C-alpha atoms as a PDB file:
ATOM      1  CA  MET A   1     141.648 -21.776  44.532  1.00  0.00           C
ATOM      2  CA  ASN A   2     141.941 -18.021  44.351  1.00  0.00           C
ATOM      3  CA  GLU A   3     139.922 -15.503  46.311  1.00  0.00           C
ATOM      4  CA  LEU A   4     137.298 -14.885  43.582  1.00  0.00           C
ATOM      5  CA  ASP A   5     136.631 -18.603  43.008  1.00  0.00           C
ATOM      6  CA  ALA A   6     136.109 -19.037  46.736  1.00  0.00           C
ATOM      7  CA  LEU A   7     133.704 -16.064  46.725  1.00  0.00           C
ATOM      8  CA  VAL A   8     131.651 -17.588  43.886  1.00  0.00           C
ATOM      9  CA  GLU A   9     131.441 -20.933  45.700  1.00  0.00           C
ATOM     10  CA  ALA A  10     130.417 -19.183  48.924  1.00  0.00           C
ATOM     11  CA  ALA A  11     127.644 -17.300  47.072  1.00  0.00           C
ATOM     12  CA  GLN A  12     126.410 -20.489  45.407  1.00  0.00           C
ATOM     13  CA  ALA A  13     126.337 -22.288  48.766  1.00  0.00           C
ATOM     14  CA  SER A  14     124.478 -19.386  50.430  1.00  0.00           C
ATOM     15  CA  PHE A  15     121.907 -19.198  47.624  1.00  0.00           C
ATOM     16  CA  SER A  16     121.244 -22.950  47.738  1.00  0.00           C
ATOM     17  CA  LYS A  17     120.352 -22.722  51.434  1.00  0.00           C
ATOM     18  CA  ALA A  18     117.609 -20.126  50.769  1.00  0.00           C
ATOM     19  CA  THR A  19     114.162 -21.738  50.932  1.00  0.00           C
ATOM     20  CA  THR A  20     112.063 -18.613  50.292  1.00  0.00           C
ATOM     21  CA  PRO A  21     112.388 -15.593  47.959  1.00  0.00           C
ATOM     22  CA  ALA A  22     112.990 -13.400  51.025  1.00  0.00           C
ATOM     23  CA  ASP A  23     115.899 -15.595  52.192  1.00  0.00           C
ATOM     24  CA  LEU A  24     117.342 -15.434  48.689  1.00  0.00           C
ATOM     25  CA  GLU A  25     117.215 -11.634  48.614  1.00  0.00           C
ATOM     26  CA  ASN A  26     119.027 -11.494  51.969  1.00  0.00           C
ATOM     27  CA  ALA A  27     121.745 -13.782  50.609  1.00  0.00           C
ATOM     28  CA  LYS A  28     122.056 -11.634  47.473  1.00  0.00           C
ATOM     29  CA  ALA A  29     122.669  -8.547  49.608  1.00  0.00           C
ATOM     30  CA  GLN A  30     125.646 -10.279  51.280  1.00  0.00           C
ATOM     31  CA  PHE A  31     127.450 -10.608  47.943  1.00  0.00           C
ATOM     32  CA  LEU A  32     125.998  -8.072  45.470  1.00  0.00           C
ATOM     33  CA  GLY A  33     124.586  -5.394  47.769  1.00  0.00           C
ATOM     34  CA  LYS A  34     126.105  -1.939  48.342  1.00  0.00           C
ATOM     35  CA  SER A  35     128.025  -3.332  51.292  1.00  0.00           C
ATOM     36  CA  GLY A  36     128.428  -6.822  49.829  1.00  0.00           C
ATOM     37  CA  ARG A  37     131.657  -8.765  49.575  1.00  0.00           C
ATOM     38  CA  LEU A  38     131.994  -8.337  45.825  1.00  0.00           C
ATOM     39  CA  THR A  39     131.420  -4.588  46.125  1.00  0.00           C
ATOM     40  CA  GLU A  40     134.164  -4.352  48.770  1.00  0.00           C
ATOM     41  CA  LEU A  41     136.621  -6.054  46.399  1.00  0.00           C
ATOM     42  CA  MET A  42     135.874  -3.513  43.682  1.00  0.00           C
ATOM     43  CA  LYS A  43     136.513  -0.637  46.089  1.00  0.00           C
ATOM     44  CA  GLY A  44     140.072  -1.942  46.670  1.00  0.00           C
ATOM     45  CA  MET A  45     141.000  -1.517  42.988  1.00  0.00           C
ATOM     46  CA  ALA A  46     141.642   2.186  43.439  1.00  0.00           C
ATOM     47  CA  ALA A  47     145.186   1.520  44.736  1.00  0.00           C
ATOM     48  CA  LEU A  48     146.167  -0.737  41.787  1.00  0.00           C
ATOM     49  CA  SER A  49     148.100   0.247  38.671  1.00  0.00           C
ATOM     50  CA  VAL A  50     146.421   0.596  35.340  1.00  0.00           C
ATOM     51  CA  ASP A  51     147.427  -2.837  34.121  1.00  0.00           C
ATOM     52  CA  GLU A  52     146.439  -4.455  37.411  1.00  0.00           C
ATOM     53  CA  LYS A  53     143.082  -2.718  37.282  1.00  0.00           C
ATOM     54  CA  LYS A  54     142.363  -4.224  33.870  1.00  0.00           C
ATOM     55  CA  SER A  55     143.148  -7.790  34.846  1.00  0.00           C
ATOM     56  CA  ARG A  56     141.602  -7.489  38.288  1.00  0.00           C
ATOM     57  CA  GLY A  57     138.451  -5.827  36.926  1.00  0.00           C
ATOM     58  CA  ALA A  58     137.996  -8.538  34.299  1.00  0.00           C
ATOM     59  CA  ALA A  59     138.329 -11.261  36.933  1.00  0.00           C
ATOM     60  CA  ILE A  60     135.869  -9.544  39.250  1.00  0.00           C
ATOM     61  CA  ASN A  61     133.336  -9.144  36.403  1.00  0.00           C
ATOM     62  CA  LEU A  62     133.567 -12.850  35.658  1.00  0.00           C
ATOM     63  CA  ALA A  63     132.968 -13.631  39.312  1.00  0.00           C
ATOM     64  CA  LYS A  64     130.015 -11.211  39.373  1.00  0.00           C
ATOM     65  CA  GLN A  65     128.471 -12.867  36.327  1.00  0.00           C
ATOM     66  CA  ALA A  66     128.851 -16.306  37.916  1.00  0.00           C
ATOM     67  CA  ILE A  67     127.219 -15.103  41.149  1.00  0.00           C
ATOM     68  CA  GLU A  68     124.319 -13.461  39.233  1.00  0.00           C
ATOM     69  CA  ALA A  69     123.814 -16.632  37.194  1.00  0.00           C
ATOM     70  CA  ALA A  70     123.678 -18.701  40.395  1.00  0.00           C
ATOM     71  CA  LEU A  71     121.212 -16.178  41.871  1.00  0.00           C
ATOM     72  CA  ALA A  72     118.934 -16.323  38.797  1.00  0.00           C
ATOM     73  CA  ALA A  73     119.051 -20.129  38.706  1.00  0.00           C
ATOM     74  CA  HIS A  74     118.016 -20.494  42.342  1.00  0.00           C
ATOM     75  CA  ARG A  75     115.344 -17.795  41.982  1.00  0.00           C
ATOM     76  CA  GLN A  76     113.842 -19.787  39.106  1.00  0.00           C
ATOM     77  CA  ALA A  77     114.153 -22.991  41.137  1.00  0.00           C
ATOM     78  CA  LEU A  78     112.162 -21.421  43.987  1.00  0.00           C
ATOM     79  CA  ALA A  79     109.483 -20.192  41.540  1.00  0.00           C
ATOM     80  CA  ASP A  80     109.230 -23.647  39.953  1.00  0.00           C
ATOM     81  CA  ALA A  81     108.893 -25.280  43.357  1.00  0.00           C
ATOM     82  CA  GLU A  82     106.122 -22.850  44.377  1.00  0.00           C
ATOM     83  CA  LEU A  83     104.247 -23.493  41.122  1.00  0.00           C
ATOM     84  CA  ALA A  84     104.584 -27.263  41.533  1.00  0.00           C
ATOM     85  CA  GLN A  85     103.238 -27.013  45.073  1.00  0.00           C
ATOM     86  CA  GLN A  86     100.290 -24.889  43.892  1.00  0.00           C
ATOM     87  CA  LEU A  87      99.496 -27.293  41.059  1.00  0.00           C
ATOM     88  CA  GLN A  88      99.603 -30.188  43.487  1.00  0.00           C
ATOM     89  CA  ALA A  89      97.199 -28.421  45.853  1.00  0.00           C
ATOM     90  CA  GLU A  90      94.824 -27.458  43.034  1.00  0.00           C
ATOM     91  CA  ALA A  91      95.044 -30.674  41.072  1.00  0.00           C
ATOM     92  CA  LEU A  92      92.151 -31.180  38.643  1.00  0.00           C
ATOM     93  CA  ASP A  93      90.842 -34.662  38.026  1.00  0.00           C
ATOM     94  CA  VAL A  94      89.870 -34.476  34.348  1.00  0.00           C
ATOM     95  CA  SER A  95      88.117 -37.819  34.631  1.00  0.00           C
ATOM     96  CA  LEU A  96      85.358 -36.270  36.779  1.00  0.00           C
ATOM     97  CA  PRO A  97      82.223 -34.875  35.108  1.00  0.00           C
ATOM     98  CA  GLY A  98      82.424 -31.172  34.379  1.00  0.00           C
ATOM     99  CA  ARG A  99      80.757 -28.732  36.745  1.00  0.00           C
ATOM    100  CA  GLN A 100      77.610 -27.210  35.313  1.00  0.00           C
ATOM    101  CA  ARG A 101      75.453 -24.362  36.498  1.00  0.00           C
ATOM    102  CA  GLY A 102      72.209 -25.560  38.028  1.00  0.00           C
ATOM    103  CA  GLN A 103      69.123 -25.083  35.913  1.00  0.00           C
ATOM    104  CA  GLY A 104      66.158 -23.376  37.551  1.00  0.00           C
ATOM    105  CA  GLY A 105      62.504 -24.107  37.059  1.00  0.00           C
ATOM    106  CA  LEU A 106      59.099 -22.494  37.281  1.00  0.00           C
ATOM    107  CA  HIS A 107      57.523 -21.901  40.676  1.00  0.00           C
ATOM    108  CA  PRO A 108      54.759 -24.447  41.427  1.00  0.00           C
ATOM    109  CA  VAL A 109      52.131 -21.687  41.396  1.00  0.00           C
ATOM    110  CA  SER A 110      53.417 -20.545  37.988  1.00  0.00           C
ATOM    111  CA  LEU A 111      53.086 -24.131  36.765  1.00  0.00           C
ATOM    112  CA  THR A 112      49.483 -24.123  37.977  1.00  0.00           C
ATOM    113  CA  LEU A 113      48.700 -20.790  36.302  1.00  0.00           C
ATOM    114  CA  GLU A 114      50.113 -22.044  33.000  1.00  0.00           C
ATOM    115  CA  ARG A 115      48.010 -25.193  33.330  1.00  0.00           C
ATOM    116  CA  ILE A 116      44.859 -23.176  34.063  1.00  0.00           C
ATOM    117  CA  GLU A 117      45.453 -20.899  31.065  1.00  0.00           C
ATOM    118  CA  ALA A 118      46.068 -23.876  28.766  1.00  0.00           C
ATOM    119  CA  ILE A 119      42.900 -25.698  29.854  1.00  0.00           C
ATOM    120  CA  PHE A 120      40.607 -22.687  29.523  1.00  0.00           C
ATOM    121  CA  GLY A 121      42.386 -21.662  26.326  1.00  0.00           C
ATOM    122  CA  SER A 122      41.334 -25.006  24.845  1.00  0.00           C
ATOM    123  CA  MET A 123      37.730 -24.019  25.668  1.00  0.00           C
ATOM    124  CA  GLY A 124      37.974 -20.690  23.848  1.00  0.00           C
ATOM    125  CA  PHE A 125      38.738 -18.375  26.780  1.00  0.00           C
ATOM    126  CA  ASP A 126      41.055 -15.379  26.399  1.00  0.00           C
ATOM    127  CA  VAL A 127      43.537 -14.409  29.118  1.00  0.00           C
ATOM    128  CA  ALA A 128      43.305 -10.845  30.465  1.00  0.00           C
ATOM    129  CA  GLU A 129      45.839  -8.962  32.579  1.00  0.00           C
ATOM    130  CA  GLY A 130      45.407  -5.677  34.374  1.00  0.00           C
ATOM    131  CA  PRO A 131      46.701  -3.310  37.071  1.00  0.00           C
ATOM    132  CA  GLU A 132      47.309  -4.544  40.606  1.00  0.00           C
ATOM    133  CA  ILE A 133      46.608  -1.046  41.962  1.00  0.00           C
ATOM    134  CA  GLU A 134      42.903  -0.603  41.270  1.00  0.00           C
ATOM    135  CA  THR A 135      40.244   2.041  41.708  1.00  0.00           C
ATOM    136  CA  ASP A 136      37.337   1.583  44.073  1.00  0.00           C
ATOM    137  CA  TRP A 137      34.969   1.600  41.078  1.00  0.00           C
ATOM    138  CA  PHE A 138      36.438  -1.422  39.309  1.00  0.00           C
ATOM    139  CA  ASN A 139      37.283  -3.355  42.483  1.00  0.00           C
ATOM    140  CA  PHE A 140      33.993  -2.846  44.355  1.00  0.00           C
ATOM    141  CA  THR A 141      31.312  -0.559  42.930  1.00  0.00           C
ATOM    142  CA  ALA A 142      31.158  -1.964  39.391  1.00  0.00           C
ATOM    143  CA  LEU A 143      30.881  -5.433  40.923  1.00  0.00           C
ATOM    144  CA  ASN A 144      27.768  -4.469  42.882  1.00  0.00           C
ATOM    145  CA  THR A 145      29.550  -4.406  46.250  1.00  0.00           C
ATOM    146  CA  PRO A 146      27.569  -2.276  48.755  1.00  0.00           C
ATOM    147  CA  GLU A 147      29.166   0.771  50.375  1.00  0.00           C
ATOM    148  CA  ASP A 148      28.991  -0.866  53.809  1.00  0.00           C
ATOM    149  CA  HIS A 149      30.375  -4.252  52.726  1.00  0.00           C
ATOM    150  CA  PRO A 150      33.043  -5.576  55.168  1.00  0.00           C
ATOM    151  CA  ALA A 151      35.484  -6.137  52.290  1.00  0.00           C
ATOM    152  CA  ARG A 152      35.856  -2.361  51.935  1.00  0.00           C
ATOM    153  CA  SER A 153      37.095  -2.098  55.518  1.00  0.00           C
ATOM    154  CA  MET A 154      40.725  -1.252  56.281  1.00  0.00           C
ATOM    155  CA  HIS A 155      40.828  -4.614  58.074  1.00  0.00           C
ATOM    156  CA  ASP A 156      40.500  -6.484  54.763  1.00  0.00           C
ATOM    157  CA  THR A 157      41.826  -4.151  52.072  1.00  0.00           C
ATOM    158  CA  PHE A 158      45.192  -2.469  51.511  1.00  0.00           C
ATOM    159  CA  TYR A 159      44.477   1.149  50.547  1.00  0.00           C
ATOM    160  CA  VAL A 160      47.263   3.146  48.880  1.00  0.00           C
ATOM    161  CA  GLU A 161      48.015   6.789  48.213  1.00  0.00           C
ATOM    162  CA  GLY A 162      46.187   8.460  45.363  1.00  0.00           C
ATOM    163  CA  GLY A 163      42.572   8.777  44.436  1.00  0.00           C
ATOM    164  CA  THR A 164      40.086  10.687  46.563  1.00  0.00           C
ATOM    165  CA  ALA A 165      38.188  10.169  49.798  1.00  0.00           C
ATOM    166  CA  THR A 166      35.146   8.970  47.852  1.00  0.00           C
ATOM    167  CA  ALA A 167      37.137   7.074  45.203  1.00  0.00           C
ATOM    168  CA  PRO A 168      40.300   5.691  46.841  1.00  0.00           C
ATOM    169  CA  ASN A 169      42.952   3.547  45.212  1.00  0.00           C
ATOM    170  CA  LEU A 170      43.756   0.117  46.602  1.00  0.00           C
ATOM    171  CA  LEU A 171      45.618  -3.118  45.990  1.00  0.00           C
ATOM    172  CA  ARG A 172      43.064  -5.270  44.198  1.00  0.00           C
ATOM    173  CA  THR A 173      41.416  -7.824  46.476  1.00  0.00           C
ATOM    174  CA  HIS A 174      40.505 -10.111  43.556  1.00  0.00           C
ATOM    175  CA  THR A 175      41.041 -10.184  39.789  1.00  0.00           C
ATOM    176  CA  SER A 176      37.326  -9.653  39.088  1.00  0.00           C
ATOM    177  CA  PRO A 177      38.003  -5.985  38.135  1.00  0.00           C
ATOM    178  CA  MET A 178      39.587  -7.365  34.968  1.00  0.00           C
ATOM    179  CA  GLN A 179      36.228  -8.899  34.038  1.00  0.00           C
ATOM    180  CA  ILE A 180      34.723  -5.399  34.000  1.00  0.00           C
ATOM    181  CA  ARG A 181      37.704  -3.845  32.208  1.00  0.00           C
ATOM    182  CA  TYR A 182      37.782  -6.582  29.563  1.00  0.00           C
ATOM    183  CA  ALA A 183      33.991  -6.508  29.053  1.00  0.00           C
ATOM    184  CA  VAL A 184      33.889  -2.705  28.713  1.00  0.00           C
ATOM    185  CA  GLN A 185      36.607  -2.796  26.037  1.00  0.00           C
ATOM    186  CA  HIS A 186      34.871  -5.707  24.306  1.00  0.00           C
ATOM    187  CA  VAL A 187      31.577  -3.768  24.217  1.00  0.00           C
ATOM    188  CA  LYS A 188      33.325  -0.689  22.778  1.00  0.00           C
ATOM    189  CA  ARG A 189      34.886  -2.757  20.004  1.00  0.00           C
ATOM    190  CA  HIS A 190      31.520  -4.238  19.035  1.00  0.00           C
ATOM    191  CA  GLN A 191      29.280  -1.250  19.805  1.00  0.00           C
ATOM    192  CA  ALA A 192      28.059  -0.952  16.233  1.00  0.00           C
ATOM    193  CA  ALA A 193      26.913  -4.582  16.158  1.00  0.00           C
ATOM    194  CA  ILE A 194      25.157  -4.176  19.508  1.00  0.00           C
ATOM    195  CA  VAL A 195      23.314  -1.013  18.465  1.00  0.00           C
ATOM    196  CA  SER A 196      22.298  -2.488  15.128  1.00  0.00           C
ATOM    197  CA  GLY A 197      20.761  -5.473  16.854  1.00  0.00           C
ATOM    198  CA  VAL A 198      23.115  -7.977  15.242  1.00  0.00           C
ATOM    199  CA  GLY A 199      24.663  -8.698  18.614  1.00  0.00           C
ATOM    200  CA  MET A 200      28.228  -8.992  19.769  1.00  0.00           C
ATOM    201  CA  PRO A 201      30.539 -12.017  19.950  1.00  0.00           C
ATOM    202  CA  GLU A 202      30.393 -13.779  23.304  1.00  0.00           C
ATOM    203  CA  ILE A 203      32.757 -12.704  26.077  1.00  0.00           C
ATOM    204  CA  ARG A 204      34.921 -15.588  27.281  1.00  0.00           C
ATOM    205  CA  VAL A 205      37.848 -14.578  29.453  1.00  0.00           C
ATOM    206  CA  ILE A 206      39.868 -15.618  32.492  1.00  0.00           C
ATOM    207  CA  ALA A 207      41.883 -13.163  34.580  1.00  0.00           C
ATOM    208  CA  PRO A 208      44.740 -14.783  36.547  1.00  0.00           C
ATOM    209  CA  GLY A 209      47.048 -12.706  38.713  1.00  0.00           C
ATOM    210  CA  ARG A 210      48.240 -11.519  42.125  1.00  0.00           C
ATOM    211  CA  THR A 211      45.782 -10.140  44.661  1.00  0.00           C
ATOM    212  CA  TYR A 212      46.106  -8.682  48.170  1.00  0.00           C
ATOM    213  CA  ARG A 213      44.170  -8.898  51.424  1.00  0.00           C
ATOM    214  CA  VAL A 214      45.039  -8.381  55.096  1.00  0.00           C
ATOM    215  CA  ASP A 215      45.323 -12.038  56.062  1.00  0.00           C
ATOM    216  CA  SER A 216      48.168 -14.425  56.981  1.00  0.00           C
ATOM    217  CA  ASP A 217      48.236 -18.006  58.308  1.00  0.00           C
ATOM    218  CA  ALA A 218      48.933 -21.546  57.101  1.00  0.00           C
ATOM    219  CA  THR A 219      46.229 -21.296  54.410  1.00  0.00           C
ATOM    220  CA  HIS A 220      46.194 -17.527  53.746  1.00  0.00           C
ATOM    221  CA  SER A 221      48.787 -14.974  52.658  1.00  0.00           C
ATOM    222  CA  PRO A 222      48.615 -11.160  52.332  1.00  0.00           C
ATOM    223  CA  MET A 223      49.643 -11.657  48.709  1.00  0.00           C
ATOM    224  CA  PHE A 224      48.053 -14.563  46.890  1.00  0.00           C
ATOM    225  CA  HIS A 225      46.841 -15.545  43.436  1.00  0.00           C
ATOM    226  CA  GLN A 226      43.374 -15.693  41.964  1.00  0.00           C
ATOM    227  CA  CYS A 227      41.886 -16.612  38.638  1.00  0.00           C
ATOM    228  CA  GLU A 228      38.493 -15.186  37.748  1.00  0.00           C
ATOM    229  CA  GLY A 229      36.467 -16.338  34.768  1.00  0.00           C
ATOM    230  CA  LEU A 230      33.626 -14.799  32.792  1.00  0.00           C
ATOM    231  CA  TRP A 231      31.347 -16.013  29.995  1.00  0.00           C
ATOM    232  CA  ILE A 232      28.695 -13.558  28.735  1.00  0.00           C
ATOM    233  CA  GLY A 233      26.353 -14.170  25.817  1.00  0.00           C
ATOM    234  CA  GLU A 234      22.699 -14.277  24.861  1.00  0.00           C
ATOM    235  CA  ASN A 235      22.097 -17.891  25.869  1.00  0.00           C
ATOM    236  CA  VAL A 236      24.658 -18.719  28.579  1.00  0.00           C
ATOM    237  CA  SER A 237      23.099 -20.584  31.501  1.00  0.00           C
ATOM    238  CA  PHE A 238      24.084 -22.003  34.877  1.00  0.00           C
ATOM    239  CA  LYS A 239      24.224 -25.373  33.146  1.00  0.00           C
ATOM    240  CA  ASP A 240      27.107 -24.065  31.013  1.00  0.00           C
ATOM    241  CA  LEU A 241      28.908 -23.029  34.197  1.00  0.00           C
ATOM    242  CA  LYS A 242      28.596 -26.530  35.641  1.00  0.00           C
ATOM    243  CA  VAL A 243      29.814 -28.175  32.431  1.00  0.00           C
ATOM    244  CA  VAL A 244      32.777 -25.813  31.968  1.00  0.00           C
ATOM    245  CA  PHE A 245      33.982 -25.961  35.555  1.00  0.00           C
ATOM    246  CA  THR A 246      33.483 -29.713  35.837  1.00  0.00           C
ATOM    247  CA  ASN A 247      35.542 -30.253  32.679  1.00  0.00           C
ATOM    248  CA  PHE A 248      38.215 -27.906  34.015  1.00  0.00           C
ATOM    249  CA  CYS A 249      38.538 -29.647  37.402  1.00  0.00           C
ATOM    250  CA  ARG A 250      38.667 -33.137  35.923  1.00  0.00           C
ATOM    251  CA  THR A 251      41.284 -32.064  33.401  1.00  0.00           C
ATOM    252  CA  PHE A 252      43.351 -30.131  35.934  1.00  0.00           C
ATOM    253  CA  PHE A 253      43.487 -33.003  38.429  1.00  0.00           C
ATOM    254  CA  GLU A 254      43.552 -35.686  35.703  1.00  0.00           C
ATOM    255  CA  SER A 255      40.680 -37.537  37.340  1.00  0.00           C
ATOM    256  CA  ASP A 256      37.508 -38.464  35.447  1.00  0.00           C
ATOM    257  CA  ASP A 257      35.801 -39.713  38.591  1.00  0.00           C
ATOM    258  CA  LEU A 258      36.156 -36.372  40.387  1.00  0.00           C
ATOM    259  CA  VAL A 259      32.788 -35.270  41.824  1.00  0.00           C
ATOM    260  CA  LEU A 260      31.675 -31.614  41.992  1.00  0.00           C
ATOM    261  CA  ARG A 261      29.092 -30.037  44.251  1.00  0.00           C
ATOM    262  CA  PHE A 262      27.588 -26.569  43.718  1.00  0.00           C
ATOM    263  CA  ARG A 263      26.548 -25.344  47.145  1.00  0.00           C
ATOM    264  CA  PRO A 264      24.236 -22.257  47.446  1.00  0.00           C
ATOM    265  CA  SER A 265      26.072 -19.160  48.658  1.00  0.00           C
ATOM    266  CA  PHE A 266      26.078 -15.376  48.293  1.00  0.00           C
ATOM    267  CA  PHE A 267      28.316 -12.975  46.367  1.00  0.00           C
ATOM    268  CA  PRO A 268      27.364  -9.366  45.542  1.00  0.00           C
ATOM    269  CA  PHE A 269      28.307  -9.771  41.890  1.00  0.00           C
ATOM    270  CA  THR A 270      26.384 -12.977  41.099  1.00  0.00           C
ATOM    271  CA  GLU A 271      22.781 -14.122  41.601  1.00  0.00           C
ATOM    272  CA  PRO A 272      22.226 -16.986  42.115  1.00  0.00           C
ATOM    273  CA  SER A 273      25.631 -17.840  43.617  1.00  0.00           C
ATOM    274  CA  ALA A 274      27.308 -21.086  44.551  1.00  0.00           C
ATOM    275  CA  GLU A 275      30.453 -22.355  46.212  1.00  0.00           C
ATOM    276  CA  VAL A 276      32.141 -25.123  44.234  1.00  0.00           C
ATOM    277  CA  ASP A 277      33.359 -28.159  46.199  1.00  0.00           C
ATOM    278  CA  ILE A 278      35.211 -31.160  44.818  1.00  0.00           C
ATOM    279  CA  GLN A 279      35.537 -34.690  46.109  1.00  0.00           C
ATOM    280  CA  PHE A 280      38.240 -37.171  45.096  1.00  0.00           C
ATOM    281  CA  GLN A 281      37.188 -40.812  44.875  1.00  0.00           C
ATOM    282  CA  SER A 282      40.685 -42.179  45.544  1.00  0.00           C
ATOM    283  CA  GLY A 283      43.978 -41.087  47.081  1.00  0.00           C
ATOM    284  CA  PRO A 284      44.755 -39.473  50.461  1.00  0.00           C
ATOM    285  CA  LEU A 285      41.923 -36.928  50.125  1.00  0.00           C
ATOM    286  CA  ALA A 286      39.270 -39.437  49.046  1.00  0.00           C
ATOM    287  CA  GLY A 287      35.787 -38.844  50.468  1.00  0.00           C
ATOM    288  CA  ARG A 288      36.391 -35.281  51.693  1.00  0.00           C
ATOM    289  CA  TRP A 289      34.578 -32.273  50.229  1.00  0.00           C
ATOM    290  CA  LEU A 290      37.097 -29.493  49.445  1.00  0.00           C
ATOM    291  CA  GLU A 291      36.074 -25.959  48.539  1.00  0.00           C
ATOM    292  CA  VAL A 292      37.917 -24.714  45.437  1.00  0.00           C
ATOM    293  CA  ALA A 293      35.922 -21.824  43.924  1.00  0.00           C
ATOM    294  CA  GLY A 294      33.016 -19.424  44.078  1.00  0.00           C
ATOM    295  CA  SER A 295      30.656 -18.978  41.138  1.00  0.00           C
ATOM    296  CA  GLY A 296      27.278 -17.806  39.955  1.00  0.00           C
ATOM    297  CA  GLN A 297      25.119 -16.145  37.332  1.00  0.00           C
ATOM    298  CA  VAL A 298      26.384 -12.587  36.713  1.00  0.00           C
ATOM    299  CA  HIS A 299      24.246 -10.062  38.580  1.00  0.00           C
ATOM    300  CA  PRO A 300      22.154  -7.780  36.288  1.00  0.00           C
ATOM    301  CA  ASN A 301      23.750  -4.680  37.867  1.00  0.00           C
ATOM    302  CA  VAL A 302      27.204  -5.962  36.921  1.00  0.00           C
ATOM    303  CA  VAL A 303      26.025  -6.631  33.361  1.00  0.00           C
ATOM    304  CA  ARG A 304      24.779  -3.020  33.192  1.00  0.00           C
ATOM    305  CA  ASN A 305      28.154  -1.739  34.424  1.00  0.00           C
ATOM    306  CA  MET A 306      29.722  -3.587  31.515  1.00  0.00           C
ATOM    307  CA  GLY A 307      27.587  -1.494  29.156  1.00  0.00           C
ATOM    308  CA  LEU A 308      25.211  -4.336  28.266  1.00  0.00           C
ATOM    309  CA  ASP A 309      21.471  -4.902  28.564  1.00  0.00           C
ATOM    310  CA  PRO A 310      20.863  -7.611  31.243  1.00  0.00           C
ATOM    311  CA  GLU A 311      17.533  -8.429  29.573  1.00  0.00           C
ATOM    312  CA  ARG A 312      19.460  -9.619  26.513  1.00  0.00           C
ATOM    313  CA  TYR A 313      22.878 -10.652  27.780  1.00  0.00           C
ATOM    314  CA  ILE A 314      23.425 -13.158  30.541  1.00  0.00           C
ATOM    315  CA  GLY A 315      26.334 -15.259  31.724  1.00  0.00           C
ATOM    316  CA  PHE A 316      28.282 -16.721  34.585  1.00  0.00           C
ATOM    317  CA  ALA A 317      31.434 -15.893  36.520  1.00  0.00           C
ATOM    318  CA  PHE A 318      33.698 -17.879  38.799  1.00  0.00           C
ATOM    319  CA  GLY A 319      36.730 -17.241  40.956  1.00  0.00           C
ATOM    320  CA  MET A 320      39.282 -19.746  42.245  1.00  0.00           C
ATOM    321  CA  GLY A 321      42.601 -19.708  44.069  1.00  0.00           C
ATOM    322  CA  PRO A 322      45.518 -21.154  42.080  1.00  0.00           C
ATOM    323  CA  ASP A 323      47.503 -21.364  45.337  1.00  0.00           C
ATOM    324  CA  ARG A 324      44.921 -23.746  46.816  1.00  0.00           C
ATOM    325  CA  LEU A 325      44.744 -25.756  43.593  1.00  0.00           C
ATOM    326  CA  THR A 326      48.529 -26.078  43.705  1.00  0.00           C
ATOM    327  CA  MET A 327      48.383 -27.299  47.313  1.00  0.00           C
ATOM    328  CA  LEU A 328      45.806 -29.940  46.369  1.00  0.00           C
ATOM    329  CA  ARG A 329      47.611 -31.062  43.220  1.00  0.00           C
ATOM    330  CA  TYR A 330      51.028 -31.437  44.865  1.00  0.00           C
ATOM    331  CA  GLY A 331      50.000 -32.342  48.419  1.00  0.00           C
ATOM    332  CA  VAL A 332      51.353 -29.172  50.085  1.00  0.00           C
ATOM    333  CA  ASN A 333      49.848 -28.509  53.526  1.00  0.00           C
ATOM    334  CA  ASP A 334      51.186 -25.011  54.266  1.00  0.00           C
ATOM    335  CA  LEU A 335      50.669 -22.080  51.887  1.00  0.00           C
ATOM    336  CA  ARG A 336      53.652 -20.221  53.348  1.00  0.00           C
ATOM    337  CA  LEU A 337      56.061 -22.706  51.752  1.00  0.00           C
ATOM    338  CA  PHE A 338      55.288 -21.109  48.382  1.00  0.00           C
ATOM    339  CA  PHE A 339      56.695 -17.766  49.548  1.00  0.00           C
ATOM    340  CA  ASP A 340      59.607 -18.771  51.825  1.00  0.00           C
ATOM    341  CA  GLY A 341      62.060 -19.101  48.930  1.00  0.00           C
ATOM    342  CA  ASP A 342      63.497 -22.375  50.305  1.00  0.00           C
ATOM    343  CA  ILE A 343      65.392 -23.939  47.393  1.00  0.00           C
ATOM    344  CA  ARG A 344      64.953 -27.416  48.915  1.00  0.00           C
ATOM    345  CA  PHE A 345      61.182 -27.068  48.606  1.00  0.00           C
ATOM    346  CA  LEU A 346      61.139 -25.372  45.197  1.00  0.00           C
ATOM    347  CA  SER A 347      63.599 -27.841  43.598  1.00  0.00           C
ATOM    348  CA  GLN A 348      60.991 -30.600  43.928  1.00  0.00           C
ATOM    349  CA  PHE A 349      58.956 -29.005  41.134  1.00  0.00           C
ATOM    350  CA  GLN A 350      61.728 -28.601  38.554  1.00  0.00           C
END
């Protein structure tokens, strides 16, 4: 075996011992680097004759090609081994079900609001939406709320920048302002019929939405939901209120034996006024009276603020809390769960 054959075998043996790309590059430098063994052999050709240079150079080139081929082969072998190891670590079992993105669902309060809108929609009620930042006029004054009413206090109402000292802006404390806004627009649309004596179509509307008050505990939140309702016409009585709200409650809770009680109360915007209590005849809440809404005949002053004659037009209004209805329907005992954002709680309603 001549010197060049021995050099090729030595390079092949050195490359085969390399277990990492870095080890392989170090081995390459020993044979093909600037100070490598093959490079040193080529430097010694300067003292040879022309004929010897040709034969020696050809032999060295063959040796170089063999060493480079061995280097490339082992480099590929290391890459293949690394890929095989990675594939083994990241093996995919194609027999398993594919991974899918989880599908979300509506919040339980949103489900309740949709249910409320559908039930009252079946009874001919429109749905009205309006601003959450209200004026004092629509939120209090137009609803016959006295200047010294506790609800106007900073302890109950969130006041915001804008407006004036006598007419401040605030976060609405109920959605009743939408009753006034909707009625005023309704009267404008039918003004000609009202003036002519023909009369206007009845006002039937509910106003669901977010409201704000300074309150927070297990059954109250600074931000909560309300749904107000209004029915104004020439022959709308308290009896109609009882029929409509009884039908709503029995449909909402899917219970024909649900009992309602209208308990005398006071609200500035209705006269007479009543709290609405319900009683289940079966289930975990059976036998207990539960307050779910406030209601009453619309106060004549409120009817006037709508642009109507209270001697001709009469009606009823009610206000209920969809959050409380949701708690009763689904058996939730803490209102704060609706706003914590806990996916474990919310996933139960998907």
